[in-house]
Amino acid sequence: MSQSADAGVTDEAARELLADLVAIPSPTGDERECAERLAAFFEERGREAWLDEAGNVRAPADDSVLLTSHIDTVPGDIPVEVTDGKLWGRGSVDAKGPLAAMAAAAVETGVSFVGVVGEETDSRGARHLVADREEPDAVVNGEPSGWDGVTLGYRGFLAGEYAVETDSAHTSRPDPNAIQAAMAWWSRVEEAFESAPEQTDEPSVFERVTAKPVEFSGGTAADGLSVEASVDAQFRIPPDETAADIRETVEDELAAGSVEWAEPIPPVMETPRSEVARAFRTAIRRVGGDPRLLRKTGTSDMNLYAGAWGCPMATYGPGDSELDHAPNERLDLGEFDRAVAVLERVSETLQS
């Protein structure tokens, strides 16, 4: 047990922290006020806490386990209110519910905690963290899984920008311009990933590459001498694929233009037999649930932690992930209470 366990965190205090965090807007890039409220929660209970140069809230203690979740949210103004035992507000599920639950459990058990910034965009907080501190014995990353669910796998992430330019010409001419070249290229890319080798069973979404255009732009250049087009695209990487495989497939479809790639985030798939997964299964049963082991089709900071650290890890947190980024985002407070209890039991198990 920790040096600060005698400070205690009641259900009411944990819920108050949750409500305060949700009430403070913290879209990516504007997390400071929310981070300061989170740091104050630790300081008021005798725990050292500070904001590092990236803006993360650092509260180091027993490194048997590091509890970490993100402070930032996507944009969106949802009135903060409690109705029928549910807290409404942007970030209540993704991921201030997990964040507040972890803060309460960290104070109660004396394990290490970090609230990171920038997860919804470039994960700059997590990237700074793995470069700035030693590997803990275990990691629990905070994202909504439902209080009785544990996420062990995420697909990876690769982003690229395709750009092409053609000479300007009268629109009556049949030669394709840059916009048509970009449209044709993307059609070929989609077809390449849809026509995967035949398998006996249809692979799940988790096991497939998802190719998605997120921005398409084009038109006559400012000097009037050329037509330009670009496509911002994102690709989700399943565990049996690599970023290099995807880049090769995409570039094989180039007839004109080029692709500039961002740094990829690799996929992660943790074993259900790890000490972290076992601790969660036991804790969820003791709190009255039937554990569910999950794989998510998106990407999280856990991918970065797994790429940098070799310790066992999992992702956990209260909330329905179907409500991530949604206009009706809300968190059941009873589920939040149970998640705090689960996290406390998991932390105590990993400390022993």
Protein backbone atom coordinates (compact mmCIF):
# COMPACT_ATOMS: atom_id res chain seq x y z
CA MET A 1 0.00 0.00 0.00
CA SER A 2 1.18 3.52 -0.61
CA GLN A 3 2.40 6.32 1.55
CA SER A 4 -0.73 8.29 0.54
CA ALA A 5 -3.28 5.55 1.04
CA ASP A 6 -4.36 7.11 4.33
CA ALA A 7 -5.55 10.20 2.42
CA GLY A 8 -8.28 8.09 0.85
CA VAL A 9 -10.52 8.91 -2.09
CA THR A 10 -14.22 8.50 -1.52
CA ASP A 11 -16.67 7.72 -4.32
CA GLU A 12 -17.94 11.29 -3.97
CA ALA A 13 -14.45 12.76 -4.32
CA ALA A 14 -13.74 10.67 -7.41
CA ARG A 15 -17.04 11.72 -8.97
CA GLU A 16 -16.31 15.35 -8.14
CA LEU A 17 -12.96 15.12 -9.93
CA LEU A 18 -14.66 13.52 -12.93
CA ALA A 19 -17.32 16.25 -13.09
CA ASP A 20 -14.69 19.01 -12.79
CA LEU A 21 -12.52 17.52 -15.54
CA VAL A 22 -15.49 17.16 -17.90
CA ALA A 23 -16.66 20.71 -17.13
CA ILE A 24 -13.25 22.15 -18.13
CA PRO A 25 -12.92 22.14 -21.94
CA SER A 26 -9.64 20.57 -23.05
CA PRO A 27 -9.55 20.13 -26.83
CA THR A 28 -6.14 19.10 -28.10
CA GLY A 29 -3.71 21.98 -27.65
CA ASP A 30 -5.72 23.60 -24.85
CA GLU A 31 -5.30 21.11 -22.01
CA ARG A 32 -3.52 23.27 -19.40
CA GLU A 33 -6.47 24.29 -17.19
CA CYS A 34 -7.70 20.72 -17.03
CA ALA A 35 -4.17 19.47 -16.34
CA GLU A 36 -3.79 21.91 -13.46
CA ARG A 37 -7.05 20.68 -11.88
CA LEU A 38 -5.78 17.11 -12.18
CA ALA A 39 -2.41 17.97 -10.62
CA ALA A 40 -4.18 19.74 -7.75
CA PHE A 41 -6.16 16.57 -7.02
CA PHE A 42 -2.88 14.77 -6.27
CA GLU A 43 -1.28 17.64 -4.38
CA GLU A 44 -4.33 18.03 -2.11
CA ARG A 45 -3.83 14.40 -1.08
CA GLY A 46 -0.14 14.59 -0.34
CA ARG A 47 1.17 13.35 -3.68
CA GLU A 48 3.86 15.14 -5.65
CA ALA A 49 2.57 16.21 -9.07
CA TRP A 50 3.70 18.60 -11.77
CA LEU A 51 3.26 19.51 -15.44
CA ASP A 52 6.22 18.50 -17.58
CA GLU A 53 7.49 20.37 -20.63
CA ALA A 54 5.00 18.59 -22.91
CA GLY A 55 2.10 19.52 -20.62
CA ASN A 56 1.63 16.04 -19.16
CA VAL A 57 0.60 15.67 -15.50
CA ARG A 58 3.29 13.58 -13.80
CA ALA A 59 2.64 11.96 -10.41
CA PRO A 60 5.36 9.31 -9.96
CA ALA A 61 5.21 6.77 -7.14
CA ASP A 62 5.29 2.97 -7.07
CA ASP A 63 6.29 1.87 -10.58
CA SER A 64 4.82 -1.61 -10.14
CA VAL A 65 2.24 -0.18 -12.51
CA LEU A 66 1.84 3.07 -14.39
CA LEU A 67 -1.76 4.24 -14.82
CA THR A 68 -2.03 6.68 -17.71
CA SER A 69 -4.79 8.24 -19.78
CA HIS A 70 -5.21 11.34 -21.90
CA ILE A 71 -6.45 14.79 -20.94
CA ASP A 72 -7.35 16.13 -24.38
CA THR A 73 -10.64 15.65 -26.20
CA VAL A 74 -11.93 16.23 -29.68
CA PRO A 75 -13.80 19.54 -30.15
CA GLY A 76 -17.49 19.75 -29.34
CA ASP A 77 -19.64 21.55 -26.80
CA ILE A 78 -22.00 19.18 -24.97
CA PRO A 79 -23.80 20.72 -21.94
CA VAL A 80 -22.45 19.15 -18.75
CA GLU A 81 -25.24 17.69 -16.65
CA VAL A 82 -26.20 14.59 -14.69
CA THR A 83 -29.45 12.89 -15.68
CA ASP A 84 -30.61 9.40 -14.68
CA GLY A 85 -27.25 8.64 -13.12
CA LYS A 86 -25.28 9.56 -16.25
CA LEU A 87 -22.79 12.40 -16.66
CA TRP A 88 -23.13 14.12 -20.03
CA GLY A 89 -20.31 16.16 -21.54
CA ARG A 90 -17.50 16.13 -24.06
CA GLY A 91 -14.78 13.78 -22.86
CA SER A 92 -16.91 11.99 -20.26
CA VAL A 93 -16.16 8.73 -22.08
CA ASP A 94 -13.08 9.58 -24.17
CA ALA A 95 -11.23 9.72 -21.94
CA LYS A 96 -11.91 11.73 -18.78
CA GLY A 97 -13.86 8.86 -17.26
CA PRO A 98 -10.80 6.57 -17.47
CA LEU A 99 -8.54 9.51 -16.53
CA ALA A 100 -10.44 10.35 -13.32
CA ALA A 101 -10.85 6.68 -12.37
CA MET A 102 -7.10 6.17 -12.72
CA ALA A 103 -6.28 9.29 -10.72
CA ALA A 104 -8.50 8.08 -7.86
CA ALA A 105 -7.01 4.57 -7.96
CA ALA A 106 -3.45 5.92 -8.13
CA VAL A 107 -3.96 8.04 -5.00
CA GLU A 108 -5.69 5.22 -3.16
CA THR A 109 -3.00 2.61 -3.91
CA GLY A 110 0.12 4.74 -4.38
CA VAL A 111 1.04 3.71 -7.91
CA SER A 112 2.46 5.97 -10.61
CA PHE A 113 0.19 8.12 -12.75
CA VAL A 114 0.52 10.28 -15.86
CA GLY A 115 -2.17 12.28 -17.64
CA VAL A 116 -0.93 12.84 -21.19
CA VAL A 117 -1.76 15.47 -23.78
CA GLY A 118 -2.25 15.33 -27.53
CA GLU A 119 -3.59 11.78 -27.88
CA GLU A 120 -6.35 12.82 -30.28
CA THR A 121 -3.83 14.15 -32.82
CA ASP A 122 -0.11 13.31 -32.72
CA SER A 123 0.24 11.64 -29.27
CA ARG A 124 2.94 14.14 -28.40
CA GLY A 125 2.41 13.55 -24.67
CA ALA A 126 2.93 9.81 -24.92
CA ARG A 127 5.91 10.27 -27.25
CA HIS A 128 7.52 12.63 -24.74
CA LEU A 129 6.77 10.23 -21.88
CA VAL A 130 8.51 7.20 -23.40
CA ALA A 131 11.55 9.34 -24.23
CA ASP A 132 11.68 10.96 -20.79
CA ARG A 133 11.20 8.20 -18.23
CA GLU A 134 12.27 4.66 -17.48
CA GLU A 135 10.09 1.69 -18.31
CA PRO A 136 7.65 0.79 -15.50
CA ASP A 137 6.96 -2.79 -14.46
CA ALA A 138 3.50 -2.69 -16.11
CA VAL A 139 1.24 -0.19 -17.88
CA VAL A 140 -2.51 0.31 -17.83
CA ASN A 141 -3.58 2.77 -20.52
CA GLY A 142 -6.89 4.57 -20.10
CA GLU A 143 -9.52 4.37 -22.83
CA PRO A 144 -13.17 3.28 -22.65
CA SER A 145 -13.56 -0.48 -22.67
CA GLY A 146 -16.59 -0.79 -20.39
CA TRP A 147 -15.92 -1.47 -16.71
CA ASP A 148 -15.94 -5.23 -17.34
CA GLY A 149 -13.86 -5.15 -20.55
CA VAL A 150 -10.08 -5.15 -21.10
CA THR A 151 -8.51 -4.15 -24.41
CA LEU A 152 -5.44 -6.15 -25.41
CA GLY A 153 -5.07 -5.21 -29.07
CA TYR A 154 -5.14 -2.18 -31.37
CA ARG A 155 -4.42 -1.79 -35.05
CA GLY A 156 -1.55 0.46 -36.01
CA PHE A 157 -1.74 3.75 -37.90
CA LEU A 158 -0.09 5.17 -41.01
CA ALA A 159 -0.83 8.54 -42.59
CA GLY A 160 0.30 9.82 -45.97
CA GLU A 161 -0.28 12.77 -48.29
CA TYR A 162 -0.49 12.11 -52.03
CA ALA A 163 0.29 15.06 -54.31
CA VAL A 164 0.19 15.37 -58.09
CA GLU A 165 0.50 18.23 -60.59
CA THR A 166 -0.33 18.51 -64.30
CA ASP A 167 0.00 21.32 -66.79
CA SER A 168 -3.10 23.47 -67.09
CA ALA A 169 -5.17 22.97 -70.22
CA HIS A 170 -8.61 23.77 -71.56
CA THR A 171 -11.28 21.62 -69.92
CA SER A 172 -12.51 20.49 -73.36
CA ARG A 173 -9.36 18.40 -73.84
CA PRO A 174 -9.62 14.69 -72.94
CA ASP A 175 -6.27 14.40 -71.15
CA PRO A 176 -6.76 13.77 -67.40
CA ASN A 177 -5.80 16.60 -65.09
CA ALA A 178 -4.32 16.31 -61.59
CA ILE A 179 -7.73 16.02 -59.94
CA GLN A 180 -8.65 13.07 -62.15
CA ALA A 181 -5.24 11.50 -61.52
CA ALA A 182 -5.78 11.75 -57.77
CA MET A 183 -9.28 10.27 -58.02
CA ALA A 184 -8.02 7.39 -60.16
CA TRP A 185 -5.10 6.73 -57.82
CA TRP A 186 -7.35 6.52 -54.78
CA SER A 187 -9.74 4.15 -56.57
CA ARG A 188 -6.82 1.85 -57.35
CA VAL A 189 -5.63 1.99 -53.73
CA GLU A 190 -9.06 1.06 -52.38
CA GLU A 191 -9.34 -1.80 -54.84
CA ALA A 192 -5.86 -3.06 -53.93
CA PHE A 193 -6.80 -3.41 -50.26
CA GLU A 194 -10.27 -4.78 -50.95
CA SER A 195 -8.91 -7.52 -53.20
CA ALA A 196 -6.81 -9.27 -50.54
CA PRO A 197 -5.88 -12.92 -51.12
CA GLU A 198 -8.84 -15.26 -50.79
CA GLN A 199 -9.33 -16.83 -47.38
CA THR A 200 -11.60 -19.56 -46.12
CA ASP A 201 -13.18 -17.21 -43.59
CA GLU A 202 -13.83 -13.51 -44.07
CA PRO A 203 -11.27 -11.68 -41.88
CA SER A 204 -12.59 -9.41 -39.15
CA VAL A 205 -12.11 -5.64 -39.42
CA PHE A 206 -9.30 -5.94 -36.85
CA GLU A 207 -7.42 -8.26 -39.22
CA ARG A 208 -7.76 -6.08 -42.34
CA VAL A 209 -6.13 -2.91 -43.59
CA THR A 210 -8.60 -0.03 -43.60
CA ALA A 211 -7.82 2.70 -46.14
CA LYS A 212 -9.61 6.00 -45.62
CA PRO A 213 -9.29 9.39 -47.36
CA VAL A 214 -9.70 12.20 -44.82
CA GLU A 215 -9.15 15.26 -47.04
CA PHE A 216 -9.25 15.81 -50.81
CA SER A 217 -8.29 19.12 -52.41
CA GLY A 218 -7.37 20.39 -55.85
CA GLY A 219 -7.68 23.08 -58.45
CA THR A 220 -5.78 25.47 -60.68
CA ALA A 221 -2.54 26.74 -59.13
CA ALA A 222 -2.23 30.40 -58.16
CA ASP A 223 -0.04 31.13 -61.20
CA GLY A 224 -2.62 29.56 -63.54
CA LEU A 225 -0.02 27.34 -65.20
CA SER A 226 -0.84 24.02 -63.56
CA VAL A 227 -3.53 21.96 -61.85
CA GLU A 228 -2.71 20.53 -58.44
CA ALA A 229 -4.43 17.88 -56.31
CA SER A 230 -3.73 16.23 -52.99
CA VAL A 231 -5.25 13.48 -50.88
CA ASP A 232 -4.66 13.05 -47.14
CA ALA A 233 -5.12 9.36 -46.38
CA GLN A 234 -5.01 7.17 -43.30
CA PHE A 235 -4.39 3.44 -43.09
CA ARG A 236 -5.04 1.16 -40.10
CA ILE A 237 -2.44 -1.59 -39.76
CA PRO A 238 -3.51 -5.04 -38.50
CA PRO A 239 -1.05 -7.15 -36.47
CA ASP A 240 0.03 -9.32 -39.42
CA GLU A 241 0.87 -6.32 -41.64
CA THR A 242 3.60 -3.68 -41.45
CA ALA A 243 3.72 -0.05 -42.45
CA ALA A 244 6.29 -1.00 -45.09
CA ASP A 245 3.83 -3.50 -46.62
CA ILE A 246 1.15 -0.82 -46.85
CA ARG A 247 3.50 1.79 -48.30
CA GLU A 248 4.58 -0.67 -50.99
CA THR A 249 0.98 -1.48 -51.94
CA VAL A 250 0.04 2.20 -52.11
CA GLU A 251 3.09 3.24 -54.12
CA ASP A 252 2.59 0.37 -56.57
CA GLU A 253 -0.61 2.15 -57.64
CA LEU A 254 1.15 5.41 -58.52
CA ALA A 255 0.89 6.39 -62.17
CA ALA A 256 1.78 10.01 -61.40
CA GLY A 257 2.55 12.05 -58.32
CA SER A 258 4.12 10.94 -55.05
CA VAL A 259 3.25 10.16 -51.42
CA GLU A 260 4.85 11.77 -48.37
CA TRP A 261 4.55 9.52 -45.34
CA ALA A 262 4.31 10.38 -41.64
CA GLU A 263 5.95 8.26 -38.95
CA PRO A 264 3.84 5.12 -38.47
CA ILE A 265 2.43 3.76 -35.20
CA PRO A 266 2.78 -0.04 -35.09
CA PRO A 267 -0.07 -2.39 -34.14
CA VAL A 268 -0.13 -4.09 -30.74
CA MET A 269 -1.58 -7.39 -29.53
CA GLU A 270 -0.88 -8.33 -25.91
CA THR A 271 -1.24 -11.87 -24.62
CA PRO A 272 -4.28 -12.66 -22.43
CA ARG A 273 -1.90 -14.67 -20.22
CA SER A 274 0.10 -11.66 -19.01
CA GLU A 275 0.06 -10.71 -15.34
CA VAL A 276 -1.83 -7.52 -16.22
CA ALA A 277 -4.58 -9.37 -18.10
CA ARG A 278 -4.87 -11.93 -15.29
CA ALA A 279 -5.11 -9.16 -12.68
CA PHE A 280 -7.97 -7.55 -14.60
CA ARG A 281 -9.89 -10.79 -15.02
CA THR A 282 -9.67 -11.46 -11.29
CA ALA A 283 -10.56 -7.90 -10.29
CA ILE A 284 -13.57 -7.68 -12.60
CA ARG A 285 -14.94 -10.95 -11.23
CA ARG A 286 -14.48 -9.75 -7.64
CA VAL A 287 -16.38 -6.56 -8.41
CA GLY A 288 -19.19 -8.67 -9.84
CA GLY A 289 -18.56 -8.73 -13.58
CA ASP A 290 -17.84 -11.25 -16.31
CA PRO A 291 -14.54 -10.17 -17.95
CA ARG A 292 -14.48 -9.45 -21.69
CA LEU A 293 -11.19 -9.41 -23.65
CA LEU A 294 -11.30 -6.91 -26.51
CA ARG A 295 -9.47 -5.95 -29.69
CA LYS A 296 -10.06 -2.43 -31.03
CA THR A 297 -9.96 -1.41 -34.69
CA GLY A 298 -8.55 2.02 -33.88
CA THR A 299 -5.19 3.09 -32.42
CA SER A 300 -4.23 4.40 -28.97
CA ASP A 301 -1.23 5.54 -26.96
CA MET A 302 -0.81 1.90 -25.89
CA ASN A 303 0.62 1.25 -29.36
CA LEU A 304 3.44 3.69 -28.59
CA TYR A 305 4.06 2.28 -25.12
CA ALA A 306 4.24 -1.25 -26.51
CA GLY A 307 6.68 -0.10 -29.20
CA ALA A 308 8.98 1.53 -26.64
CA TRP A 309 8.62 -0.67 -23.56
CA GLY A 310 8.65 -4.45 -23.18
CA CYS A 311 6.55 -4.61 -20.01
CA PRO A 312 3.05 -6.19 -19.91
CA MET A 313 0.18 -3.80 -20.53
CA ALA A 314 -3.51 -3.43 -21.29
CA THR A 315 -6.04 -0.68 -21.89
CA TYR A 316 -9.01 -0.18 -19.58
CA GLY A 317 -11.62 2.38 -18.59
CA PRO A 318 -15.32 2.94 -17.95
CA GLY A 319 -17.61 3.99 -20.77
CA ASP A 320 -19.14 2.82 -24.02
CA SER A 321 -16.62 3.36 -26.82
CA GLU A 322 -19.52 3.71 -29.28
CA LEU A 323 -19.99 7.16 -27.68
CA ASP A 324 -16.41 8.30 -28.42
CA HIS A 325 -16.53 11.71 -30.14
CA ALA A 326 -20.34 11.46 -30.36
CA PRO A 327 -22.79 14.36 -29.82
CA ASN A 328 -24.52 12.32 -27.08
CA GLU A 329 -21.36 11.38 -25.15
CA ARG A 330 -22.23 10.34 -21.59
CA LEU A 331 -20.91 8.10 -18.82
CA ASP A 332 -22.87 5.98 -16.33
CA LEU A 333 -21.65 6.98 -12.86
CA GLY A 334 -22.27 3.54 -11.40
CA GLU A 335 -19.97 2.11 -14.07
CA PHE A 336 -17.40 4.76 -13.15
CA ASP A 337 -17.49 3.68 -9.49
CA ARG A 338 -17.00 0.04 -10.44
CA ALA A 339 -14.09 0.94 -12.71
CA VAL A 340 -12.33 2.72 -9.82
CA ALA A 341 -12.77 -0.40 -7.70
CA VAL A 342 -11.37 -2.62 -10.47
CA LEU A 343 -8.35 -0.35 -10.98
CA GLU A 344 -7.62 -0.33 -7.25
CA ARG A 345 -7.68 -4.15 -7.13
CA VAL A 346 -5.51 -4.43 -10.24
CA SER A 347 -2.96 -1.96 -8.83
CA GLU A 348 -2.82 -3.79 -5.49
CA THR A 349 -2.34 -7.13 -7.26
CA LEU A 350 0.50 -5.80 -9.41
CA GLN A 351 2.16 -4.26 -6.33
CA SER A 352 2.27 -7.56 -4.51
